[in-house]
Each structure stands twice: as C-alpha cells, then as structure tokens.
Amino acid sequence: MSIEQILDLEQLEVNIYRGTMWSPESGFLQRTFGGHVAGQSLVSAVRTVEREFEVHSLHGYFLRPGDATAPTVYIVERLRDGGSFATRRVNAIQHGETIFSMSASFQTDQSGIEHQDSVPSAPPPDDLPALTDTKAFDDAGFKQFEEWDVRIVPQEKLVRVPGKASQQQVWFRHKDPLPDDHVLHICALAYMSDLTLLGSAQVHHADERKHLQVASLDHAMWFMRQFRADEWLLYDQSSPSASGGRSLCQGKIFNQDGEMVAAVMQEGLTRYKRDYNP
C-alpha cells in the first residue's frame, strides 16, 4: 500500500473519517504502527480546516495498542477557528475504544523573526547502507516501509556531541516522487517520525534490547519550514534521559540544504519484560 493510499481517508460523516489498515490479510503485524495512526489522525484534522491554514504542531498520546487488521475511525472535534489559528482534537477509535488522541494546531502564513540551530555533521546518505541491508528490522516488519529509503548512521561514524547521553542519526526519504501537495508531505513526515526515534534511547543497551517491552507513549511535532518527503531528510536524534521504564527522545529534522524543517519529542516505554531480572 502506497503512502498516498494510507493517508487517503474515507469520509463517513461531517468530522468523521475512516482509515484503511495496512495489510488485513498479512497476519504478521500484531499491532498498528504508531506513525500509521498518527499520520491518519493528522489527515482527518487537515480535512476540517480551510486551505489557508497549515499545521504547525501536533501532540498525541498512544492510549491502547492498535489492531493492525482492523480499520480505524477518526472523530474530529473543532475546538477553535480564529483569524490566524485553528485547533482540532482527534480521537482514533477501534472496536469502540480510543487508541490514540491528538491535538493539532494550524496557522495561516505569517512572517516574524527567523533563526535555527546549525545542521549537525553527518556522513552523506549515499555512503550508508540501506536499512533493509542492515537487518535492523525483520523482513516481515519492514514490508510496510518498502517505499522508503532509510539509512541509519553507524555509531562509529557518528560525530559525538559532548554531554549528550545517547545519540542516533537517520537519513530517510520516499523512494518515488510524491505529488506536489505540501499537506501530503507533512502527513508523510508524521507517519515516518515514529519509526526510529525510540531507537535512539537503546543504542547503548544493545544486549538488553530483546528483554525490553517497547512502545510509543506520546508524540509531539512542530513544523517550521516547507520540505519534500521524497528528498533526503536528516533525522538527528538523542535521548537525554531514561528511567522508570520510560525513555525521553528528541529529534531535529533537516533537509539537505541545512534547513531545520521539523522537531519531534517523544516519550516511550522501555521497561524490562516481567520474566527478565537484570
């Protein structure tokens, strides 16, 4: 299923939409990928605002594991429609229960001060192996990302930043050209932003990964500048803290011109399984 199909929702009623499951017949996905439900939630919110409003932030909570073999219904609440800003709340429903809840804020085009952090040093993506070659994901789990070129910078090639506890860098892009629809590129980025971020908390715990129960708990994004998801994006990630079975992760996303296009924060579950005593 293409990213356009994943993000193309069916409207059931005013403010109510239904999203497709990734692969109902496959049987190998036990729960829905977090970016799948986050991306579809954002699409449903976008459908309820005027074209002059563009999303600038979203905040979501993963409340229950999603069923990968069932469609999801999205109910949008119109919290505010102002002259410059609009706000929406979306609840994603499966089997009568809310599995994900998100708030999204939209803004009309405006001008103001501008600055950004410098783009970090990173080896170019063409010098790195594709994720499918590194076996970072099993073959079945990676099938839903076959349209994406994902390349993780090896830890030995990472330029360390003093004081950062855990770092990771990832290049990614959609392999085929996407339509010139900026909203599609934003929603595609929301879809992919959840894929590798929690992994930044685990880079120094390789021996314990198989003993961890891992899941996204909450996810926040801010969109600063326009970009294309079918061109290389550098996802510079770090995890400033992990404790109590949870890890905090943060990411900055840059295009190849060095422009910071988005920022992400996430807290994820990284607790030991019950049968493991470290």
C-alpha atoms as a PDB file:
ATOM      1  CA  MET A   1       0.000   0.000   0.000  1.00  0.00           C
ATOM      2  CA  SER A   2       1.428   3.384  -1.004  1.00  0.00           C
ATOM      3  CA  ILE A   3       1.712   6.300   1.417  1.00  0.00           C
ATOM      4  CA  GLU A   4      -0.950   8.079  -0.660  1.00  0.00           C
ATOM      5  CA  GLN A   5      -3.345   5.172  -0.066  1.00  0.00           C
ATOM      6  CA  ILE A   6      -2.531   5.011   3.641  1.00  0.00           C
ATOM      7  CA  LEU A   7      -3.266   8.726   4.055  1.00  0.00           C
ATOM      8  CA  ASP A   8      -6.373   8.813   1.834  1.00  0.00           C
ATOM      9  CA  LEU A   9      -9.249   8.584   4.338  1.00  0.00           C
ATOM     10  CA  GLU A  10     -12.884   7.845   3.652  1.00  0.00           C
ATOM     11  CA  GLN A  11     -15.327  10.460   4.964  1.00  0.00           C
ATOM     12  CA  LEU A  12     -18.244   8.795   6.772  1.00  0.00           C
ATOM     13  CA  GLU A  13     -19.977  11.902   8.079  1.00  0.00           C
ATOM     14  CA  VAL A  14     -19.153  15.508   8.948  1.00  0.00           C
ATOM     15  CA  ASN A  15     -15.998  15.346  11.144  1.00  0.00           C
ATOM     16  CA  ILE A  16     -15.877  11.524  10.962  1.00  0.00           C
ATOM     17  CA  TYR A  17     -13.374   9.620   8.801  1.00  0.00           C
ATOM     18  CA  ARG A  18     -12.198   6.043   8.366  1.00  0.00           C
ATOM     19  CA  GLY A  19      -8.653   4.964   7.602  1.00  0.00           C
ATOM     20  CA  THR A  20      -7.567   1.725   5.991  1.00  0.00           C
ATOM     21  CA  MET A  21      -5.480  -0.901   7.743  1.00  0.00           C
ATOM     22  CA  TRP A  22      -2.068  -1.575   6.204  1.00  0.00           C
ATOM     23  CA  SER A  23      -2.461  -5.235   5.291  1.00  0.00           C
ATOM     24  CA  PRO A  24      -5.501  -7.068   6.667  1.00  0.00           C
ATOM     25  CA  GLU A  25      -4.549 -10.387   5.086  1.00  0.00           C
ATOM     26  CA  SER A  26      -0.892 -10.473   6.147  1.00  0.00           C
ATOM     27  CA  GLY A  27      -1.398 -11.612   9.738  1.00  0.00           C
ATOM     28  CA  PHE A  28       2.174 -10.813  10.811  1.00  0.00           C
ATOM     29  CA  LEU A  29       1.539  -7.367  12.322  1.00  0.00           C
ATOM     30  CA  GLN A  30       0.194  -7.752  15.851  1.00  0.00           C
ATOM     31  CA  ARG A  31      -0.429  -4.048  16.394  1.00  0.00           C
ATOM     32  CA  THR A  32      -0.699  -0.930  14.323  1.00  0.00           C
ATOM     33  CA  PHE A  33       2.473   1.082  13.666  1.00  0.00           C
ATOM     34  CA  GLY A  34       2.210   4.315  15.671  1.00  0.00           C
ATOM     35  CA  GLY A  35       3.051   6.537  12.717  1.00  0.00           C
ATOM     36  CA  HIS A  36       0.185   4.969  10.771  1.00  0.00           C
ATOM     37  CA  VAL A  37      -2.476   6.132  13.219  1.00  0.00           C
ATOM     38  CA  ALA A  38      -0.713   9.477  13.850  1.00  0.00           C
ATOM     39  CA  GLY A  39      -0.494  10.239  10.131  1.00  0.00           C
ATOM     40  CA  GLN A  40      -4.133   9.335   9.529  1.00  0.00           C
ATOM     41  CA  SER A  41      -5.218  11.385  12.557  1.00  0.00           C
ATOM     42  CA  LEU A  42      -3.441  14.404  11.123  1.00  0.00           C
ATOM     43  CA  VAL A  43      -5.090  13.889   7.730  1.00  0.00           C
ATOM     44  CA  SER A  44      -8.514  13.841   9.349  1.00  0.00           C
ATOM     45  CA  ALA A  45      -7.766  17.109  11.170  1.00  0.00           C
ATOM     46  CA  VAL A  46      -6.458  18.726   7.968  1.00  0.00           C
ATOM     47  CA  ARG A  47      -9.700  17.817   6.173  1.00  0.00           C
ATOM     48  CA  THR A  48     -11.666  20.077   8.558  1.00  0.00           C
ATOM     49  CA  VAL A  49      -9.708  23.342   8.150  1.00  0.00           C
ATOM     50  CA  GLU A  50      -9.627  25.844   5.289  1.00  0.00           C
ATOM     51  CA  ARG A  51      -6.774  25.575   2.778  1.00  0.00           C
ATOM     52  CA  GLU A  52      -5.031  28.726   4.004  1.00  0.00           C
ATOM     53  CA  PHE A  53      -4.355  27.049   7.377  1.00  0.00           C
ATOM     54  CA  GLU A  54      -1.302  24.776   7.649  1.00  0.00           C
ATOM     55  CA  VAL A  55      -0.467  22.563  10.607  1.00  0.00           C
ATOM     56  CA  HIS A  56       2.405  23.844  12.732  1.00  0.00           C
ATOM     57  CA  SER A  57       2.218  21.443  15.694  1.00  0.00           C
ATOM     58  CA  LEU A  58       0.635  18.247  16.935  1.00  0.00           C
ATOM     59  CA  HIS A  59       0.566  16.481  20.283  1.00  0.00           C
ATOM     60  CA  GLY A  60      -0.609  12.891  20.528  1.00  0.00           C
ATOM     61  CA  TYR A  61      -0.998  10.133  23.113  1.00  0.00           C
ATOM     62  CA  PHE A  62      -0.931   6.433  22.292  1.00  0.00           C
ATOM     63  CA  LEU A  63      -3.544   5.037  24.661  1.00  0.00           C
ATOM     64  CA  ARG A  64      -4.011   1.423  23.553  1.00  0.00           C
ATOM     65  CA  PRO A  65      -2.316  -0.912  21.063  1.00  0.00           C
ATOM     66  CA  GLY A  66      -3.981  -0.694  17.661  1.00  0.00           C
ATOM     67  CA  ASP A  67      -5.325  -3.710  15.790  1.00  0.00           C
ATOM     68  CA  ALA A  68      -3.363  -3.895  12.526  1.00  0.00           C
ATOM     69  CA  THR A  69      -6.094  -5.981  10.869  1.00  0.00           C
ATOM     70  CA  ALA A  70      -8.965  -3.535  11.515  1.00  0.00           C
ATOM     71  CA  PRO A  71      -9.753  -0.060  10.113  1.00  0.00           C
ATOM     72  CA  THR A  72      -9.676   2.970  12.391  1.00  0.00           C
ATOM     73  CA  VAL A  73     -12.398   5.611  12.726  1.00  0.00           C
ATOM     74  CA  TYR A  74     -11.307   9.203  13.386  1.00  0.00           C
ATOM     75  CA  ILE A  75     -13.634  11.672  15.106  1.00  0.00           C
ATOM     76  CA  VAL A  76     -12.588  15.312  14.796  1.00  0.00           C
ATOM     77  CA  GLU A  77     -13.624  18.000  17.288  1.00  0.00           C
ATOM     78  CA  ARG A  78     -13.371  21.594  16.081  1.00  0.00           C
ATOM     79  CA  LEU A  79     -12.033  23.391  19.144  1.00  0.00           C
ATOM     80  CA  ARG A  80     -11.248  26.754  17.590  1.00  0.00           C
ATOM     81  CA  ASP A  81     -11.484  28.625  14.301  1.00  0.00           C
ATOM     82  CA  GLY A  82      -9.755  32.003  14.605  1.00  0.00           C
ATOM     83  CA  GLY A  83      -8.404  34.500  12.133  1.00  0.00           C
ATOM     84  CA  SER A  84      -4.799  33.248  12.419  1.00  0.00           C
ATOM     85  CA  PHE A  85      -5.051  29.927  14.240  1.00  0.00           C
ATOM     86  CA  ALA A  86      -7.321  26.905  14.250  1.00  0.00           C
ATOM     87  CA  THR A  87      -7.259  23.963  16.651  1.00  0.00           C
ATOM     88  CA  ARG A  88      -8.558  20.423  16.286  1.00  0.00           C
ATOM     89  CA  ARG A  89      -8.789  17.397  18.562  1.00  0.00           C
ATOM     90  CA  VAL A  90      -8.893  13.914  17.026  1.00  0.00           C
ATOM     91  CA  ASN A  91      -9.787  10.618  18.687  1.00  0.00           C
ATOM     92  CA  ALA A  92      -8.878   7.418  16.851  1.00  0.00           C
ATOM     93  CA  ILE A  93     -11.375   4.630  17.580  1.00  0.00           C
ATOM     94  CA  GLN A  94     -11.090   0.860  17.153  1.00  0.00           C
ATOM     95  CA  HIS A  95     -13.568  -1.702  18.485  1.00  0.00           C
ATOM     96  CA  GLY A  96     -15.366   1.038  20.437  1.00  0.00           C
ATOM     97  CA  GLU A  97     -12.259   2.249  22.297  1.00  0.00           C
ATOM     98  CA  THR A  98      -9.931   5.216  21.816  1.00  0.00           C
ATOM     99  CA  ILE A  99      -6.459   4.008  20.837  1.00  0.00           C
ATOM    100  CA  PHE A 100      -4.901   7.421  20.090  1.00  0.00           C
ATOM    101  CA  SER A 101      -5.800  11.020  20.915  1.00  0.00           C
ATOM    102  CA  MET A 102      -4.239  14.041  19.212  1.00  0.00           C
ATOM    103  CA  SER A 103      -4.487  17.820  19.246  1.00  0.00           C
ATOM    104  CA  ALA A 104      -3.292  19.743  16.199  1.00  0.00           C
ATOM    105  CA  SER A 105      -2.816  23.478  15.740  1.00  0.00           C
ATOM    106  CA  PHE A 106      -2.979  25.279  12.388  1.00  0.00           C
ATOM    107  CA  GLN A 107      -1.795  28.748  11.362  1.00  0.00           C
ATOM    108  CA  THR A 108      -2.117  30.989   8.344  1.00  0.00           C
ATOM    109  CA  ASP A 109       1.055  32.136   6.547  1.00  0.00           C
ATOM    110  CA  GLN A 110       2.739  34.851   8.640  1.00  0.00           C
ATOM    111  CA  SER A 111       6.170  36.468   8.995  1.00  0.00           C
ATOM    112  CA  GLY A 112       8.408  37.102  12.008  1.00  0.00           C
ATOM    113  CA  ILE A 113      11.950  36.651  13.314  1.00  0.00           C
ATOM    114  CA  GLU A 114      13.999  33.749  11.950  1.00  0.00           C
ATOM    115  CA  HIS A 115      16.900  31.672  13.274  1.00  0.00           C
ATOM    116  CA  GLN A 116      17.830  27.994  13.733  1.00  0.00           C
ATOM    117  CA  ASP A 117      20.467  25.642  15.107  1.00  0.00           C
ATOM    118  CA  SER A 118      23.210  24.632  12.703  1.00  0.00           C
ATOM    119  CA  VAL A 119      22.757  21.367  10.877  1.00  0.00           C
ATOM    120  CA  PRO A 120      24.871  18.686  12.615  1.00  0.00           C
ATOM    121  CA  SER A 121      27.710  16.882  10.872  1.00  0.00           C
ATOM    122  CA  ALA A 122      26.663  13.588   9.303  1.00  0.00           C
ATOM    123  CA  PRO A 123      28.029  11.307   6.583  1.00  0.00           C
ATOM    124  CA  PRO A 124      26.066  11.655   3.325  1.00  0.00           C
ATOM    125  CA  PRO A 125      23.255   9.121   2.837  1.00  0.00           C
ATOM    126  CA  ASP A 126      24.776   7.662  -0.340  1.00  0.00           C
ATOM    127  CA  ASP A 127      27.718   6.425   1.744  1.00  0.00           C
ATOM    128  CA  LEU A 128      25.480   4.426   4.095  1.00  0.00           C
ATOM    129  CA  PRO A 129      23.769   1.027   3.710  1.00  0.00           C
ATOM    130  CA  ALA A 130      20.001   0.920   3.371  1.00  0.00           C
ATOM    131  CA  LEU A 131      18.082  -0.226   6.417  1.00  0.00           C
ATOM    132  CA  THR A 132      16.921  -3.338   4.572  1.00  0.00           C
ATOM    133  CA  ASP A 133      20.576  -4.339   4.202  1.00  0.00           C
ATOM    134  CA  THR A 134      21.397  -3.870   7.890  1.00  0.00           C
ATOM    135  CA  LYS A 135      18.643  -6.217   9.104  1.00  0.00           C
ATOM    136  CA  ALA A 136      17.657  -3.672  11.729  1.00  0.00           C
ATOM    137  CA  PHE A 137      14.093  -4.825  11.110  1.00  0.00           C
ATOM    138  CA  ASP A 138      12.925  -8.338  10.347  1.00  0.00           C
ATOM    139  CA  ASP A 139      11.709  -8.842   6.789  1.00  0.00           C
ATOM    140  CA  ALA A 140       8.028  -9.028   7.738  1.00  0.00           C
ATOM    141  CA  GLY A 141       8.008  -5.926   9.936  1.00  0.00           C
ATOM    142  CA  PHE A 142       9.774  -3.831   7.312  1.00  0.00           C
ATOM    143  CA  LYS A 143       7.365  -4.595   4.480  1.00  0.00           C
ATOM    144  CA  GLN A 144       5.196  -1.586   5.332  1.00  0.00           C
ATOM    145  CA  PHE A 145       8.229   0.684   4.811  1.00  0.00           C
ATOM    146  CA  GLU A 146       9.437  -0.728   1.495  1.00  0.00           C
ATOM    147  CA  GLU A 147       8.560   2.534  -0.263  1.00  0.00           C
ATOM    148  CA  TRP A 148      11.021   4.389   1.971  1.00  0.00           C
ATOM    149  CA  ASP A 149      14.800   4.569   1.800  1.00  0.00           C
ATOM    150  CA  VAL A 150      16.023   4.606   5.421  1.00  0.00           C
ATOM    151  CA  ARG A 151      19.718   4.737   6.350  1.00  0.00           C
ATOM    152  CA  ILE A 152      20.973   4.734   9.932  1.00  0.00           C
ATOM    153  CA  VAL A 153      24.396   6.278  10.576  1.00  0.00           C
ATOM    154  CA  PRO A 154      26.611   3.623  12.262  1.00  0.00           C
ATOM    155  CA  GLN A 155      27.619   4.598  15.780  1.00  0.00           C
ATOM    156  CA  GLU A 156      31.319   4.512  14.822  1.00  0.00           C
ATOM    157  CA  LYS A 157      30.666   7.205  12.176  1.00  0.00           C
ATOM    158  CA  LEU A 158      28.605   9.429  14.451  1.00  0.00           C
ATOM    159  CA  VAL A 159      30.085  12.809  15.372  1.00  0.00           C
ATOM    160  CA  ARG A 160      29.622  12.871  19.139  1.00  0.00           C
ATOM    161  CA  VAL A 161      28.201  15.952  20.839  1.00  0.00           C
ATOM    162  CA  PRO A 162      29.680  16.412  24.343  1.00  0.00           C
ATOM    163  CA  GLY A 163      27.140  15.987  27.121  1.00  0.00           C
ATOM    164  CA  LYS A 164      24.588  14.019  25.099  1.00  0.00           C
ATOM    165  CA  ALA A 165      23.881  10.647  26.702  1.00  0.00           C
ATOM    166  CA  SER A 166      22.604   8.777  23.656  1.00  0.00           C
ATOM    167  CA  GLN A 167      22.645   9.830  20.001  1.00  0.00           C
ATOM    168  CA  GLN A 168      21.458   8.492  16.659  1.00  0.00           C
ATOM    169  CA  GLN A 169      21.225   9.877  13.126  1.00  0.00           C
ATOM    170  CA  VAL A 170      18.953   8.623  10.371  1.00  0.00           C
ATOM    171  CA  TRP A 171      18.592   9.674   6.739  1.00  0.00           C
ATOM    172  CA  PHE A 172      15.279   8.892   5.066  1.00  0.00           C
ATOM    173  CA  ARG A 173      13.182   9.743   2.004  1.00  0.00           C
ATOM    174  CA  HIS A 174      10.315   8.325  -0.008  1.00  0.00           C
ATOM    175  CA  LYS A 175      11.846   6.351  -2.873  1.00  0.00           C
ATOM    176  CA  ASP A 176       9.435   7.510  -5.595  1.00  0.00           C
ATOM    177  CA  PRO A 177       8.410  11.117  -6.362  1.00  0.00           C
ATOM    178  CA  LEU A 178       5.319  12.270  -4.468  1.00  0.00           C
ATOM    179  CA  PRO A 179       2.686  14.735  -5.721  1.00  0.00           C
ATOM    180  CA  ASP A 180       3.302  18.456  -5.210  1.00  0.00           C
ATOM    181  CA  ASP A 181       0.948  18.577  -2.240  1.00  0.00           C
ATOM    182  CA  HIS A 182       2.631  20.073   0.824  1.00  0.00           C
ATOM    183  CA  VAL A 183      -0.037  18.611   3.126  1.00  0.00           C
ATOM    184  CA  LEU A 184       0.790  15.114   1.886  1.00  0.00           C
ATOM    185  CA  HIS A 185       4.486  15.658   2.626  1.00  0.00           C
ATOM    186  CA  ILE A 186       3.684  16.873   6.165  1.00  0.00           C
ATOM    187  CA  CYS A 187       1.438  13.893   6.888  1.00  0.00           C
ATOM    188  CA  ALA A 188       4.026  11.534   5.389  1.00  0.00           C
ATOM    189  CA  LEU A 189       6.640  13.006   7.742  1.00  0.00           C
ATOM    190  CA  ALA A 190       4.297  12.488  10.702  1.00  0.00           C
ATOM    191  CA  TYR A 191       3.943   8.874   9.546  1.00  0.00           C
ATOM    192  CA  MET A 192       7.714   8.282   9.440  1.00  0.00           C
ATOM    193  CA  SER A 193       8.677  10.329  12.515  1.00  0.00           C
ATOM    194  CA  ASP A 194       7.776   7.454  14.858  1.00  0.00           C
ATOM    195  CA  LEU A 195       9.792   4.739  13.112  1.00  0.00           C
ATOM    196  CA  THR A 196      13.300   5.167  14.551  1.00  0.00           C
ATOM    197  CA  LEU A 197      13.092   7.827  17.282  1.00  0.00           C
ATOM    198  CA  LEU A 198      12.681   5.492  20.262  1.00  0.00           C
ATOM    199  CA  GLY A 199      15.679   3.543  18.985  1.00  0.00           C
ATOM    200  CA  SER A 200      17.877   6.500  19.968  1.00  0.00           C
ATOM    201  CA  ALA A 201      17.328   5.509  23.617  1.00  0.00           C
ATOM    202  CA  GLN A 202      18.543   1.957  23.021  1.00  0.00           C
ATOM    203  CA  VAL A 203      21.851   2.441  21.206  1.00  0.00           C
ATOM    204  CA  HIS A 204      23.895   1.810  24.376  1.00  0.00           C
ATOM    205  CA  HIS A 205      21.691  -1.066  25.546  1.00  0.00           C
ATOM    206  CA  ALA A 206      22.066  -3.490  22.648  1.00  0.00           C
ATOM    207  CA  ASP A 207      22.462  -6.508  24.936  1.00  0.00           C
ATOM    208  CA  GLU A 208      19.179  -5.732  26.684  1.00  0.00           C
ATOM    209  CA  ARG A 209      17.002  -4.865  23.664  1.00  0.00           C
ATOM    210  CA  LYS A 210      15.499  -8.339  23.428  1.00  0.00           C
ATOM    211  CA  HIS A 211      14.463  -8.048  27.085  1.00  0.00           C
ATOM    212  CA  LEU A 212      12.601  -4.745  26.649  1.00  0.00           C
ATOM    213  CA  GLN A 213       8.930  -4.037  26.159  1.00  0.00           C
ATOM    214  CA  VAL A 214       8.951  -1.068  23.784  1.00  0.00           C
ATOM    215  CA  ALA A 215       6.096   1.204  22.675  1.00  0.00           C
ATOM    216  CA  SER A 216       5.463   4.882  21.943  1.00  0.00           C
ATOM    217  CA  LEU A 217       3.571   6.657  24.739  1.00  0.00           C
ATOM    218  CA  ASP A 218       3.252  10.210  23.489  1.00  0.00           C
ATOM    219  CA  HIS A 219       4.485  12.109  20.463  1.00  0.00           C
ATOM    220  CA  ALA A 220       4.782  15.803  19.633  1.00  0.00           C
ATOM    221  CA  MET A 221       5.874  17.515  16.412  1.00  0.00           C
ATOM    222  CA  TRP A 222       6.483  21.073  15.271  1.00  0.00           C
ATOM    223  CA  PHE A 223       6.737  22.000  11.588  1.00  0.00           C
ATOM    224  CA  MET A 224       8.930  25.026  10.830  1.00  0.00           C
ATOM    225  CA  ARG A 225       9.667  25.134   7.106  1.00  0.00           C
ATOM    226  CA  GLN A 226       8.396  23.532   3.934  1.00  0.00           C
ATOM    227  CA  PHE A 227      10.120  20.389   2.693  1.00  0.00           C
ATOM    228  CA  ARG A 228       9.657  17.354   0.495  1.00  0.00           C
ATOM    229  CA  ALA A 229       9.401  13.854   1.949  1.00  0.00           C
ATOM    230  CA  ASP A 230      10.734  12.399  -1.324  1.00  0.00           C
ATOM    231  CA  GLU A 231      14.066  14.203  -0.835  1.00  0.00           C
ATOM    232  CA  TRP A 232      16.699  13.240   1.740  1.00  0.00           C
ATOM    233  CA  LEU A 233      15.940  14.365   5.306  1.00  0.00           C
ATOM    234  CA  LEU A 234      18.398  14.047   8.204  1.00  0.00           C
ATOM    235  CA  TYR A 235      16.747  12.975  11.465  1.00  0.00           C
ATOM    236  CA  ASP A 236      19.197  13.961  14.233  1.00  0.00           C
ATOM    237  CA  GLN A 237      18.075  12.130  17.382  1.00  0.00           C
ATOM    238  CA  SER A 238      19.078  11.912  21.008  1.00  0.00           C
ATOM    239  CA  SER A 239      17.751  10.552  24.285  1.00  0.00           C
ATOM    240  CA  PRO A 240      18.595  12.870  27.181  1.00  0.00           C
ATOM    241  CA  SER A 241      17.202  10.545  29.867  1.00  0.00           C
ATOM    242  CA  ALA A 242      15.810   7.072  30.515  1.00  0.00           C
ATOM    243  CA  SER A 243      14.440   5.876  33.854  1.00  0.00           C
ATOM    244  CA  GLY A 244      11.405   4.261  35.428  1.00  0.00           C
ATOM    245  CA  GLY A 245      10.782   2.113  32.374  1.00  0.00           C
ATOM    246  CA  ARG A 246      10.394   5.170  30.121  1.00  0.00           C
ATOM    247  CA  SER A 247      12.752   6.998  27.761  1.00  0.00           C
ATOM    248  CA  LEU A 248      12.593  10.592  26.583  1.00  0.00           C
ATOM    249  CA  CYS A 249      13.699  11.123  22.987  1.00  0.00           C
ATOM    250  CA  GLN A 250      14.074  14.209  20.830  1.00  0.00           C
ATOM    251  CA  GLY A 251      14.783  14.786  17.175  1.00  0.00           C
ATOM    252  CA  LYS A 252      15.536  17.610  14.778  1.00  0.00           C
ATOM    253  CA  ILE A 253      14.852  17.107  11.079  1.00  0.00           C
ATOM    254  CA  PHE A 254      16.920  18.915   8.431  1.00  0.00           C
ATOM    255  CA  ASN A 255      16.792  18.935   4.634  1.00  0.00           C
ATOM    256  CA  GLN A 256      19.967  18.668   2.548  1.00  0.00           C
ATOM    257  CA  ASP A 257      20.198  22.459   2.325  1.00  0.00           C
ATOM    258  CA  GLY A 258      20.718  22.518   6.106  1.00  0.00           C
ATOM    259  CA  GLU A 259      17.279  23.979   6.864  1.00  0.00           C
ATOM    260  CA  MET A 260      15.594  22.725  10.038  1.00  0.00           C
ATOM    261  CA  VAL A 261      12.137  21.706   8.832  1.00  0.00           C
ATOM    262  CA  ALA A 262      10.669  19.998  11.913  1.00  0.00           C
ATOM    263  CA  ALA A 263      11.287  18.984  15.533  1.00  0.00           C
ATOM    264  CA  VAL A 264       9.991  15.978  17.428  1.00  0.00           C
ATOM    265  CA  MET A 265       9.708  14.958  21.091  1.00  0.00           C
ATOM    266  CA  GLN A 266       8.593  11.556  22.279  1.00  0.00           C
ATOM    267  CA  GLU A 267       8.362   9.558  25.477  1.00  0.00           C
ATOM    268  CA  GLY A 268       8.375   5.817  25.004  1.00  0.00           C
ATOM    269  CA  LEU A 269       8.019   2.685  27.064  1.00  0.00           C
ATOM    270  CA  THR A 270      11.385   0.921  27.527  1.00  0.00           C
ATOM    271  CA  ARG A 271      10.751  -1.293  30.523  1.00  0.00           C
ATOM    272  CA  TYR A 272      12.093  -4.744  31.225  1.00  0.00           C
ATOM    273  CA  LYS A 273       9.835  -7.674  30.453  1.00  0.00           C
ATOM    274  CA  ARG A 274       8.407  -9.380  33.528  1.00  0.00           C
ATOM    275  CA  ASP A 275      10.472 -12.518  33.075  1.00  0.00           C
ATOM    276  CA  TYR A 276      13.786 -10.607  32.963  1.00  0.00           C
ATOM    277  CA  ASN A 277      15.949  -9.767  36.002  1.00  0.00           C
ATOM    278  CA  PRO A 278      18.910  -7.566  35.013  1.00  0.00           C
END
